[in-house]
Amino acid sequence: MSTNRRLESREPSYPGSQVQFYFNGAELIGYEGESIAAALLANGFWAIRTDEVTGEPRGIYCGIGHCYECRAEVDGVAGVRTCLTPLRRGTQVTSASTWEIGAK
């Protein structure tokens, strides 16, 4: 189980309801409609994948879908930009997948 990195406040910062989702098999909690990348960061995961060439960790960089650093496999679809993809109940996110093998 990961650590909650969200800021504590009197009012909920996000209007969506809490939902369970999965990252590399770990069950996590996020808010429906927030970006997958934001939900992962709030759960303490700053690295979403590793670089195909160097193996270095990659995560949120631009946060607006231009850089492709936050790519992951989401519900079986490879190469999804997690900063643009809204979280839904039961979403399955995987950092390593077969689409990375042989990528240049």
PDB file of N, CA and C in Angstrom:
ATOM      1  N   MET A   1       0.851  -1.177   0.000  1.00  0.00           N
ATOM      2  CA  MET A   1       0.000   0.000   0.000  1.00  0.00           C
ATOM      3  C   MET A   1       0.889   1.230   0.000  1.00  0.00           C
ATOM      4  N   SER A   2       0.535   2.232  -0.764  1.00  0.00           N
ATOM      5  CA  SER A   2       1.352   3.432  -0.869  1.00  0.00           C
ATOM      6  C   SER A   2       0.907   4.493   0.131  1.00  0.00           C
ATOM      7  N   THR A   3       1.698   5.528   0.238  1.00  0.00           N
ATOM      8  CA  THR A   3       1.421   6.640   1.131  1.00  0.00           C
ATOM      9  C   THR A   3       0.611   7.704   0.395  1.00  0.00           C
ATOM     10  N   ASN A   4      -0.389   8.271   1.081  1.00  0.00           N
ATOM     11  CA  ASN A   4      -1.196   9.329   0.492  1.00  0.00           C
ATOM     12  C   ASN A   4      -0.394  10.625   0.470  1.00  0.00           C
ATOM     13  N   ARG A   5      -0.174  11.194  -0.694  1.00  0.00           N
ATOM     14  CA  ARG A   5       0.599  12.428  -0.854  1.00  0.00           C
ATOM     15  C   ARG A   5      -0.297  13.647  -1.095  1.00  0.00           C
ATOM     16  N   ARG A   6      -1.599  13.493  -0.953  1.00  0.00           N
ATOM     17  CA  ARG A   6      -2.518  14.610  -1.185  1.00  0.00           C
ATOM     18  C   ARG A   6      -2.437  15.619  -0.055  1.00  0.00           C
ATOM     19  N   LEU A   7      -2.663  16.890  -0.395  1.00  0.00           N
ATOM     20  CA  LEU A   7      -2.711  17.936   0.609  1.00  0.00           C
ATOM     21  C   LEU A   7      -4.008  17.795   1.405  1.00  0.00           C
ATOM     22  N   GLU A   8      -3.907  17.916   2.700  1.00  0.00           N
ATOM     23  CA  GLU A   8      -5.087  17.835   3.552  1.00  0.00           C
ATOM     24  C   GLU A   8      -5.757  19.201   3.606  1.00  0.00           C
ATOM     25  N   SER A   9      -7.076  19.221   3.505  1.00  0.00           N
ATOM     26  CA  SER A   9      -7.817  20.475   3.615  1.00  0.00           C
ATOM     27  C   SER A   9      -9.202  20.178   4.160  1.00  0.00           C
ATOM     28  N   ARG A  10      -9.914  21.215   4.539  1.00  0.00           N
ATOM     29  CA  ARG A  10     -11.268  21.047   5.066  1.00  0.00           C
ATOM     30  C   ARG A  10     -12.252  20.691   3.969  1.00  0.00           C
ATOM     31  N   GLU A  11     -12.033  21.219   2.795  1.00  0.00           N
ATOM     32  CA  GLU A  11     -12.911  20.975   1.654  1.00  0.00           C
ATOM     33  C   GLU A  11     -12.222  20.011   0.693  1.00  0.00           C
ATOM     34  N   PRO A  12     -12.960  19.065   0.110  1.00  0.00           N
ATOM     35  CA  PRO A  12     -12.333  18.190  -0.885  1.00  0.00           C
ATOM     36  C   PRO A  12     -11.817  19.014  -2.057  1.00  0.00           C
ATOM     37  N   SER A  13     -10.601  18.742  -2.487  1.00  0.00           N
ATOM     38  CA  SER A  13     -10.009  19.509  -3.579  1.00  0.00           C
ATOM     39  C   SER A  13     -10.495  19.028  -4.943  1.00  0.00           C
ATOM     40  N   TYR A  14     -11.114  17.864  -4.992  1.00  0.00           N
ATOM     41  CA  TYR A  14     -11.585  17.336  -6.258  1.00  0.00           C
ATOM     42  C   TYR A  14     -13.007  16.824  -6.082  1.00  0.00           C
ATOM     43  N   PRO A  15     -13.934  17.227  -6.961  1.00  0.00           N
ATOM     44  CA  PRO A  15     -15.341  16.871  -6.766  1.00  0.00           C
ATOM     45  C   PRO A  15     -15.704  15.419  -7.065  1.00  0.00           C
ATOM     46  N   GLY A  16     -14.832  14.695  -7.749  1.00  0.00           N
ATOM     47  CA  GLY A  16     -15.138  13.308  -8.101  1.00  0.00           C
ATOM     48  C   GLY A  16     -15.157  12.399  -6.874  1.00  0.00           C
ATOM     49  N   SER A  17     -15.823  11.274  -6.997  1.00  0.00           N
ATOM     50  CA  SER A  17     -15.865  10.330  -5.886  1.00  0.00           C
ATOM     51  C   SER A  17     -14.601   9.474  -5.865  1.00  0.00           C
ATOM     52  N   GLN A  18     -14.245   8.982  -4.698  1.00  0.00           N
ATOM     53  CA  GLN A  18     -13.072   8.115  -4.583  1.00  0.00           C
ATOM     54  C   GLN A  18     -13.327   6.795  -5.298  1.00  0.00           C
ATOM     55  N   VAL A  19     -12.313   6.325  -6.008  1.00  0.00           N
ATOM     56  CA  VAL A  19     -12.402   5.056  -6.726  1.00  0.00           C
ATOM     57  C   VAL A  19     -11.114   4.268  -6.515  1.00  0.00           C
ATOM     58  N   GLN A  20     -11.231   2.960  -6.641  1.00  0.00           N
ATOM     59  CA  GLN A  20     -10.054   2.095  -6.604  1.00  0.00           C
ATOM     60  C   GLN A  20      -9.532   1.923  -8.026  1.00  0.00           C
ATOM     61  N   PHE A  21      -8.209   1.899  -8.161  1.00  0.00           N
ATOM     62  CA  PHE A  21      -7.587   1.579  -9.440  1.00  0.00           C
ATOM     63  C   PHE A  21      -6.311   0.811  -9.136  1.00  0.00           C
ATOM     64  N   TYR A  22      -5.628   0.319 -10.174  1.00  0.00           N
ATOM     65  CA  TYR A  22      -4.476  -0.557  -9.981  1.00  0.00           C
ATOM     66  C   TYR A  22      -3.290  -0.065 -10.800  1.00  0.00           C
ATOM     67  N   PHE A  23      -2.122  -0.067 -10.168  1.00  0.00           N
ATOM     68  CA  PHE A  23      -0.878   0.263 -10.851  1.00  0.00           C
ATOM     69  C   PHE A  23       0.099  -0.868 -10.626  1.00  0.00           C
ATOM     70  N   ASN A  24       0.468  -1.554 -11.702  1.00  0.00           N
ATOM     71  CA  ASN A  24       1.355  -2.715 -11.629  1.00  0.00           C
ATOM     72  C   ASN A  24       0.886  -3.707 -10.580  1.00  0.00           C
ATOM     73  N   GLY A  25      -0.422  -3.889 -10.506  1.00  0.00           N
ATOM     74  CA  GLY A  25      -1.013  -4.869  -9.600  1.00  0.00           C
ATOM     75  C   GLY A  25      -1.337  -4.351  -8.214  1.00  0.00           C
ATOM     76  N   ALA A  26      -0.833  -3.181  -7.829  1.00  0.00           N
ATOM     77  CA  ALA A  26      -1.111  -2.622  -6.499  1.00  0.00           C
ATOM     78  C   ALA A  26      -2.439  -1.872  -6.530  1.00  0.00           C
ATOM     79  N   GLU A  27      -3.284  -2.123  -5.541  1.00  0.00           N
ATOM     80  CA  GLU A  27      -4.563  -1.427  -5.449  1.00  0.00           C
ATOM     81  C   GLU A  27      -4.362  -0.054  -4.817  1.00  0.00           C
ATOM     82  N   LEU A  28      -4.854   0.987  -5.493  1.00  0.00           N
ATOM     83  CA  LEU A  28      -4.683   2.363  -5.046  1.00  0.00           C
ATOM     84  C   LEU A  28      -6.035   3.069  -5.024  1.00  0.00           C
ATOM     85  N   ILE A  29      -6.062   4.262  -4.438  1.00  0.00           N
ATOM     86  CA  ILE A  29      -7.265   5.082  -4.387  1.00  0.00           C
ATOM     87  C   ILE A  29      -6.995   6.402  -5.098  1.00  0.00           C
ATOM     88  N   GLY A  30      -7.940   6.831  -5.907  1.00  0.00           N
ATOM     89  CA  GLY A  30      -7.863   8.118  -6.580  1.00  0.00           C
ATOM     90  C   GLY A  30      -9.255   8.710  -6.653  1.00  0.00           C
ATOM     91  N   TYR A  31      -9.395   9.791  -7.405  1.00  0.00           N
ATOM     92  CA  TYR A  31     -10.688  10.437  -7.596  1.00  0.00           C
ATOM     93  C   TYR A  31     -11.124  10.292  -9.039  1.00  0.00           C
ATOM     94  N   GLU A  32     -12.346   9.853  -9.226  1.00  0.00           N
ATOM     95  CA  GLU A  32     -12.879   9.662 -10.562  1.00  0.00           C
ATOM     96  C   GLU A  32     -12.800  10.970 -11.351  1.00  0.00           C
ATOM     97  N   GLY A  33     -12.241  10.890 -12.550  1.00  0.00           N
ATOM     98  CA  GLY A  33     -12.148  12.053 -13.414  1.00  0.00           C
ATOM     99  C   GLY A  33     -10.815  12.783 -13.364  1.00  0.00           C
ATOM    100  N   GLU A  34     -10.038  12.599 -12.291  1.00  0.00           N
ATOM    101  CA  GLU A  34      -8.716  13.238 -12.274  1.00  0.00           C
ATOM    102  C   GLU A  34      -7.802  12.459 -13.206  1.00  0.00           C
ATOM    103  N   SER A  35      -6.703  13.050 -13.609  1.00  0.00           N
ATOM    104  CA  SER A  35      -5.814  12.335 -14.519  1.00  0.00           C
ATOM    105  C   SER A  35      -5.159  11.158 -13.783  1.00  0.00           C
ATOM    106  N   ILE A  36      -4.891  10.106 -14.538  1.00  0.00           N
ATOM    107  CA  ILE A  36      -4.216   8.941 -13.968  1.00  0.00           C
ATOM    108  C   ILE A  36      -2.861   9.357 -13.404  1.00  0.00           C
ATOM    109  N   ALA A  37      -2.143  10.220 -14.119  1.00  0.00           N
ATOM    110  CA  ALA A  37      -0.830  10.672 -13.654  1.00  0.00           C
ATOM    111  C   ALA A  37      -0.939  11.373 -12.302  1.00  0.00           C
ATOM    112  N   ALA A  38      -1.940  12.225 -12.124  1.00  0.00           N
ATOM    113  CA  ALA A  38      -2.131  12.925 -10.846  1.00  0.00           C
ATOM    114  C   ALA A  38      -2.463  11.941  -9.733  1.00  0.00           C
ATOM    115  N   ALA A  39      -3.271  10.949 -10.033  1.00  0.00           N
ATOM    116  CA  ALA A  39      -3.628   9.934  -9.031  1.00  0.00           C
ATOM    117  C   ALA A  39      -2.402   9.125  -8.630  1.00  0.00           C
ATOM    118  N   LEU A  40      -1.554   8.787  -9.591  1.00  0.00           N
ATOM    119  CA  LEU A  40      -0.327   8.047  -9.271  1.00  0.00           C
ATOM    120  C   LEU A  40       0.604   8.892  -8.416  1.00  0.00           C
ATOM    121  N   LEU A  41       0.772  10.155  -8.771  1.00  0.00           N
ATOM    122  CA  LEU A  41       1.623  11.045  -7.997  1.00  0.00           C
ATOM    123  C   LEU A  41       1.095  11.199  -6.564  1.00  0.00           C
ATOM    124  N   ALA A  42      -0.217  11.330  -6.411  1.00  0.00           N
ATOM    125  CA  ALA A  42      -0.826  11.466  -5.084  1.00  0.00           C
ATOM    126  C   ALA A  42      -0.635  10.219  -4.236  1.00  0.00           C
ATOM    127  N   ASN A  43      -0.422   9.080  -4.898  1.00  0.00           N
ATOM    128  CA  ASN A  43      -0.177   7.828  -4.189  1.00  0.00           C
ATOM    129  C   ASN A  43       1.310   7.547  -4.010  1.00  0.00           C
ATOM    130  N   GLY A  44       2.165   8.524  -4.357  1.00  0.00           N
ATOM    131  CA  GLY A  44       3.595   8.385  -4.120  1.00  0.00           C
ATOM    132  C   GLY A  44       4.402   7.813  -5.265  1.00  0.00           C
ATOM    133  N   PHE A  45       3.791   7.639  -6.428  1.00  0.00           N
ATOM    134  CA  PHE A  45       4.499   7.094  -7.590  1.00  0.00           C
ATOM    135  C   PHE A  45       4.885   8.234  -8.524  1.00  0.00           C
ATOM    136  N   TRP A  46       6.143   8.638  -8.508  1.00  0.00           N
ATOM    137  CA  TRP A  46       6.586   9.685  -9.431  1.00  0.00           C
ATOM    138  C   TRP A  46       7.103   9.086 -10.728  1.00  0.00           C
ATOM    139  N   ALA A  47       7.535   7.843 -10.729  1.00  0.00           N
ATOM    140  CA  ALA A  47       7.984   7.158 -11.944  1.00  0.00           C
ATOM    141  C   ALA A  47       6.850   6.284 -12.456  1.00  0.00           C
ATOM    142  N   ILE A  48       6.459   6.501 -13.709  1.00  0.00           N
ATOM    143  CA  ILE A  48       5.368   5.744 -14.313  1.00  0.00           C
ATOM    144  C   ILE A  48       5.904   4.637 -15.215  1.00  0.00           C
ATOM    145  N   ARG A  49       7.042   4.869 -15.822  1.00  0.00           N
ATOM    146  CA  ARG A  49       7.645   3.882 -16.726  1.00  0.00           C
ATOM    147  C   ARG A  49       9.151   4.069 -16.713  1.00  0.00           C
ATOM    148  N   THR A  50       9.847   3.254 -17.475  1.00  0.00           N
ATOM    149  CA  THR A  50      11.280   3.446 -17.667  1.00  0.00           C
ATOM    150  C   THR A  50      11.543   3.732 -19.136  1.00  0.00           C
ATOM    151  N   ASP A  51      12.572   4.499 -19.400  1.00  0.00           N
ATOM    152  CA  ASP A  51      12.952   4.840 -20.765  1.00  0.00           C
ATOM    153  C   ASP A  51      13.336   3.573 -21.511  1.00  0.00           C
ATOM    154  N   GLU A  52      12.875   3.465 -22.752  1.00  0.00           N
ATOM    155  CA  GLU A  52      13.112   2.267 -23.553  1.00  0.00           C
ATOM    156  C   GLU A  52      14.578   2.048 -23.887  1.00  0.00           C
ATOM    157  N   VAL A  53      15.367   3.110 -23.931  1.00  0.00           N
ATOM    158  CA  VAL A  53      16.774   3.011 -24.313  1.00  0.00           C
ATOM    159  C   VAL A  53      17.679   2.969 -23.082  1.00  0.00           C
ATOM    160  N   THR A  54      17.509   3.936 -22.177  1.00  0.00           N
ATOM    161  CA  THR A  54      18.429   4.060 -21.045  1.00  0.00           C
ATOM    162  C   THR A  54      17.981   3.306 -19.800  1.00  0.00           C
ATOM    163  N   GLY A  55      16.686   3.002 -19.702  1.00  0.00           N
ATOM    164  CA  GLY A  55      16.173   2.333 -18.511  1.00  0.00           C
ATOM    165  C   GLY A  55      15.940   3.276 -17.338  1.00  0.00           C
ATOM    166  N   GLU A  56      16.127   4.577 -17.562  1.00  0.00           N
ATOM    167  CA  GLU A  56      15.915   5.548 -16.493  1.00  0.00           C
ATOM    168  C   GLU A  56      14.424   5.754 -16.239  1.00  0.00           C
ATOM    169  N   PRO A  57      14.048   6.081 -14.998  1.00  0.00           N
ATOM    170  CA  PRO A  57      12.635   6.294 -14.685  1.00  0.00           C
ATOM    171  C   PRO A  57      12.078   7.541 -15.372  1.00  0.00           C
ATOM    172  N   ARG A  58      10.819   7.436 -15.784  1.00  0.00           N
ATOM    173  CA  ARG A  58      10.113   8.549 -16.419  1.00  0.00           C
ATOM    174  C   ARG A  58       8.749   8.705 -15.741  1.00  0.00           C
ATOM    175  N   GLY A  59       8.277   9.955 -15.697  1.00  0.00           N
ATOM    176  CA  GLY A  59       6.982  10.242 -15.086  1.00  0.00           C
ATOM    177  C   GLY A  59       6.387  11.485 -15.702  1.00  0.00           C
ATOM    178  N   ILE A  60       5.696  12.272 -14.892  1.00  0.00           N
ATOM    179  CA  ILE A  60       5.080  13.500 -15.390  1.00  0.00           C
ATOM    180  C   ILE A  60       6.192  14.509 -15.684  1.00  0.00           C
ATOM    181  N   TYR A  61       6.167  15.062 -16.876  1.00  0.00           N
ATOM    182  CA  TYR A  61       7.122  16.116 -17.224  1.00  0.00           C
ATOM    183  C   TYR A  61       6.357  17.391 -17.565  1.00  0.00           C
ATOM    184  N   CYS A  62       5.614  17.372 -18.663  1.00  0.00           N
ATOM    185  CA  CYS A  62       4.896  18.589 -19.047  1.00  0.00           C
ATOM    186  C   CYS A  62       3.489  18.632 -18.455  1.00  0.00           C
ATOM    187  N   GLY A  63       2.872  17.494 -18.288  1.00  0.00           N
ATOM    188  CA  GLY A  63       1.538  17.438 -17.708  1.00  0.00           C
ATOM    189  C   GLY A  63       0.414  17.860 -18.637  1.00  0.00           C
ATOM    190  N   ILE A  64       0.731  18.133 -19.917  1.00  0.00           N
ATOM    191  CA  ILE A  64      -0.301  18.558 -20.858  1.00  0.00           C
ATOM    192  C   ILE A  64      -0.292  17.746 -22.154  1.00  0.00           C
ATOM    193  N   GLY A  65       0.384  16.611 -22.150  1.00  0.00           N
ATOM    194  CA  GLY A  65       0.328  15.696 -23.281  1.00  0.00           C
ATOM    195  C   GLY A  65       1.280  15.946 -24.424  1.00  0.00           C
ATOM    196  N   HIS A  66       2.229  16.845 -24.275  1.00  0.00           N
ATOM    197  CA  HIS A  66       3.156  17.137 -25.366  1.00  0.00           C
ATOM    198  C   HIS A  66       4.380  16.235 -25.374  1.00  0.00           C
ATOM    199  N   CYS A  67       4.844  15.808 -24.213  1.00  0.00           N
ATOM    200  CA  CYS A  67       6.153  15.158 -24.147  1.00  0.00           C
ATOM    201  C   CYS A  67       6.117  13.627 -24.184  1.00  0.00           C
ATOM    202  N   TYR A  68       5.014  13.014 -23.876  1.00  0.00           N
ATOM    203  CA  TYR A  68       4.862  11.554 -23.895  1.00  0.00           C
ATOM    204  C   TYR A  68       5.678  10.821 -22.826  1.00  0.00           C
ATOM    205  N   GLU A  69       6.189  11.514 -21.847  1.00  0.00           N
ATOM    206  CA  GLU A  69       6.982  10.868 -20.794  1.00  0.00           C
ATOM    207  C   GLU A  69       6.116  10.018 -19.863  1.00  0.00           C
ATOM    208  N   CYS A  70       4.840  10.319 -19.753  1.00  0.00           N
ATOM    209  CA  CYS A  70       3.963   9.625 -18.795  1.00  0.00           C
ATOM    210  C   CYS A  70       3.212   8.455 -19.423  1.00  0.00           C
ATOM    211  N   ARG A  71       3.693   7.959 -20.550  1.00  0.00           N
ATOM    212  CA  ARG A  71       3.026   6.843 -21.226  1.00  0.00           C
ATOM    213  C   ARG A  71       2.980   5.594 -20.356  1.00  0.00           C
ATOM    214  N   ALA A  72       1.878   4.877 -20.458  1.00  0.00           N
ATOM    215  CA  ALA A  72       1.720   3.595 -19.768  1.00  0.00           C
ATOM    216  C   ALA A  72       0.685   2.774 -20.523  1.00  0.00           C
ATOM    217  N   GLU A  73       0.558   1.537 -20.135  1.00  0.00           N
ATOM    218  CA  GLU A  73      -0.520   0.701 -20.660  1.00  0.00           C
ATOM    219  C   GLU A  73      -1.718   0.884 -19.742  1.00  0.00           C
ATOM    220  N   VAL A  74      -2.846   1.298 -20.310  1.00  0.00           N
ATOM    221  CA  VAL A  74      -4.060   1.547 -19.530  1.00  0.00           C
ATOM    222  C   VAL A  74      -5.177   0.658 -20.059  1.00  0.00           C
ATOM    223  N   ASP A  75      -5.666  -0.211 -19.206  1.00  0.00           N
ATOM    224  CA  ASP A  75      -6.738  -1.150 -19.572  1.00  0.00           C
ATOM    225  C   ASP A  75      -6.429  -1.891 -20.868  1.00  0.00           C
ATOM    226  N   GLY A  76      -5.159  -2.308 -21.002  1.00  0.00           N
ATOM    227  CA  GLY A  76      -4.742  -3.105 -22.148  1.00  0.00           C
ATOM    228  C   GLY A  76      -4.340  -2.317 -23.380  1.00  0.00           C
ATOM    229  N   VAL A  77      -4.427  -0.990 -23.342  1.00  0.00           N
ATOM    230  CA  VAL A  77      -4.042  -0.154 -24.477  1.00  0.00           C
ATOM    231  C   VAL A  77      -2.671   0.450 -24.196  1.00  0.00           C
ATOM    232  N   ALA A  78      -1.712   0.166 -25.065  1.00  0.00           N
ATOM    233  CA  ALA A  78      -0.337   0.622 -24.869  1.00  0.00           C
ATOM    234  C   ALA A  78      -0.150   2.067 -25.296  1.00  0.00           C
ATOM    235  N   GLY A  79       0.815   2.745 -24.670  1.00  0.00           N
ATOM    236  CA  GLY A  79       1.224   4.080 -25.080  1.00  0.00           C
ATOM    237  C   GLY A  79       0.248   5.186 -24.720  1.00  0.00           C
ATOM    238  N   VAL A  80      -0.549   4.990 -23.704  1.00  0.00           N
ATOM    239  CA  VAL A  80      -1.539   5.993 -23.297  1.00  0.00           C
ATOM    240  C   VAL A  80      -0.857   7.080 -22.465  1.00  0.00           C
ATOM    241  N   ARG A  81      -1.119   8.345 -22.788  1.00  0.00           N
ATOM    242  CA  ARG A  81      -0.579   9.454 -21.998  1.00  0.00           C
ATOM    243  C   ARG A  81      -1.440   9.616 -20.741  1.00  0.00           C
ATOM    244  N   THR A  82      -0.874   9.263 -19.607  1.00  0.00           N
ATOM    245  CA  THR A  82      -1.642   9.241 -18.357  1.00  0.00           C
ATOM    246  C   THR A  82      -1.998  10.628 -17.853  1.00  0.00           C
ATOM    247  N   CYS A  83      -1.279  11.658 -18.308  1.00  0.00           N
ATOM    248  CA  CYS A  83      -1.611  13.021 -17.866  1.00  0.00           C
ATOM    249  C   CYS A  83      -2.895  13.524 -18.512  1.00  0.00           C
ATOM    250  N   LEU A  84      -3.324  12.900 -19.609  1.00  0.00           N
ATOM    251  CA  LEU A  84      -4.533  13.312 -20.319  1.00  0.00           C
ATOM    252  C   LEU A  84      -5.707  12.360 -20.107  1.00  0.00           C
ATOM    253  N   THR A  85      -5.467  11.224 -19.494  1.00  0.00           N
ATOM    254  CA  THR A  85      -6.490  10.188 -19.386  1.00  0.00           C
ATOM    255  C   THR A  85      -7.169  10.225 -18.036  1.00  0.00           C
ATOM    256  N   PRO A  86      -8.495  10.415 -18.010  1.00  0.00           N
ATOM    257  CA  PRO A  86      -9.207  10.473 -16.732  1.00  0.00           C
ATOM    258  C   PRO A  86      -9.291   9.109 -16.059  1.00  0.00           C
ATOM    259  N   LEU A  87      -9.216   9.129 -14.755  1.00  0.00           N
ATOM    260  CA  LEU A  87      -9.294   7.917 -13.946  1.00  0.00           C
ATOM    261  C   LEU A  87     -10.742   7.455 -13.838  1.00  0.00           C
ATOM    262  N   ARG A  88     -10.932   6.142 -13.925  1.00  0.00           N
ATOM    263  CA  ARG A  88     -12.243   5.523 -13.725  1.00  0.00           C
ATOM    264  C   ARG A  88     -12.085   4.395 -12.721  1.00  0.00           C
ATOM    265  N   ARG A  89     -13.173   4.001 -12.127  1.00  0.00           N
ATOM    266  CA  ARG A  89     -13.167   2.892 -11.176  1.00  0.00           C
ATOM    267  C   ARG A  89     -12.613   1.639 -11.856  1.00  0.00           C
ATOM    268  N   GLY A  90     -11.643   1.001 -11.205  1.00  0.00           N
ATOM    269  CA  GLY A  90     -11.094  -0.258 -11.699  1.00  0.00           C
ATOM    270  C   GLY A  90     -10.056  -0.147 -12.800  1.00  0.00           C
ATOM    271  N   THR A  91      -9.644   1.057 -13.159  1.00  0.00           N
ATOM    272  CA  THR A  91      -8.635   1.232 -14.206  1.00  0.00           C
ATOM    273  C   THR A  91      -7.375   0.435 -13.867  1.00  0.00           C
ATOM    274  N   GLN A  92      -6.856  -0.279 -14.858  1.00  0.00           N
ATOM    275  CA  GLN A  92      -5.633  -1.062 -14.711  1.00  0.00           C
ATOM    276  C   GLN A  92      -4.506  -0.342 -15.455  1.00  0.00           C
ATOM    277  N   VAL A  93      -3.491   0.099 -14.722  1.00  0.00           N
ATOM    278  CA  VAL A  93      -2.353   0.800 -15.314  1.00  0.00           C
ATOM    279  C   VAL A  93      -1.113  -0.059 -15.126  1.00  0.00           C
ATOM    280  N   THR A  94      -0.352  -0.236 -16.208  1.00  0.00           N
ATOM    281  CA  THR A  94       0.866  -1.030 -16.166  1.00  0.00           C
ATOM    282  C   THR A  94       2.006  -0.218 -16.765  1.00  0.00           C
ATOM    283  N   SER A  95       3.131  -0.168 -16.065  1.00  0.00           N
ATOM    284  CA  SER A  95       4.251   0.637 -16.556  1.00  0.00           C
ATOM    285  C   SER A  95       5.075  -0.075 -17.610  1.00  0.00           C
ATOM    286  N   ALA A  96       5.240  -1.354 -17.527  1.00  0.00           N
ATOM    287  CA  ALA A  96       6.056  -2.093 -18.492  1.00  0.00           C
ATOM    288  C   ALA A  96       5.149  -2.998 -19.314  1.00  0.00           C
ATOM    289  N   SER A  97       5.351  -2.963 -20.611  1.00  0.00           N
ATOM    290  CA  SER A  97       4.549  -3.828 -21.478  1.00  0.00           C
ATOM    291  C   SER A  97       5.341  -4.184 -22.717  1.00  0.00           C
ATOM    292  N   THR A  98       4.787  -5.036 -23.522  1.00  0.00           N
ATOM    293  CA  THR A  98       5.477  -5.513 -24.713  1.00  0.00           C
ATOM    294  C   THR A  98       5.684  -4.415 -25.746  1.00  0.00           C
ATOM    295  N   TRP A  99       4.919  -3.334 -25.686  1.00  0.00           N
ATOM    296  CA  TRP A  99       5.093  -2.263 -26.677  1.00  0.00           C
ATOM    297  C   TRP A  99       6.417  -1.545 -26.507  1.00  0.00           C
ATOM    298  N   GLU A 100       7.051  -1.669 -25.346  1.00  0.00           N
ATOM    299  CA  GLU A 100       8.352  -1.027 -25.135  1.00  0.00           C
ATOM    300  C   GLU A 100       9.507  -1.811 -25.759  1.00  0.00           C
ATOM    301  N   ILE A 101       9.328  -3.085 -25.929  1.00  0.00           N
ATOM    302  CA  ILE A 101      10.406  -3.927 -26.447  1.00  0.00           C
ATOM    303  C   ILE A 101      10.694  -3.552 -27.902  1.00  0.00           C
ATOM    304  N   GLY A 102      11.919  -3.209 -28.180  1.00  0.00           N
ATOM    305  CA  GLY A 102      12.332  -2.876 -29.532  1.00  0.00           C
ATOM    306  C   GLY A 102      11.997  -1.465 -29.962  1.00  0.00           C
ATOM    307  N   ALA A 103      11.439  -0.659 -29.076  1.00  0.00           N
ATOM    308  CA  ALA A 103      11.104   0.728 -29.434  1.00  0.00           C
ATOM    309  C   ALA A 103      12.372   1.547 -29.607  1.00  0.00           C
ATOM    310  N   LYS A 104      12.333   2.490 -30.494  1.00  0.00           N
ATOM    311  CA  LYS A 104      13.482   3.364 -30.733  1.00  0.00           C
ATOM    312  C   LYS A 104      13.083   4.787 -30.484  1.00  0.00           C
TER     313      LYS A 104
END
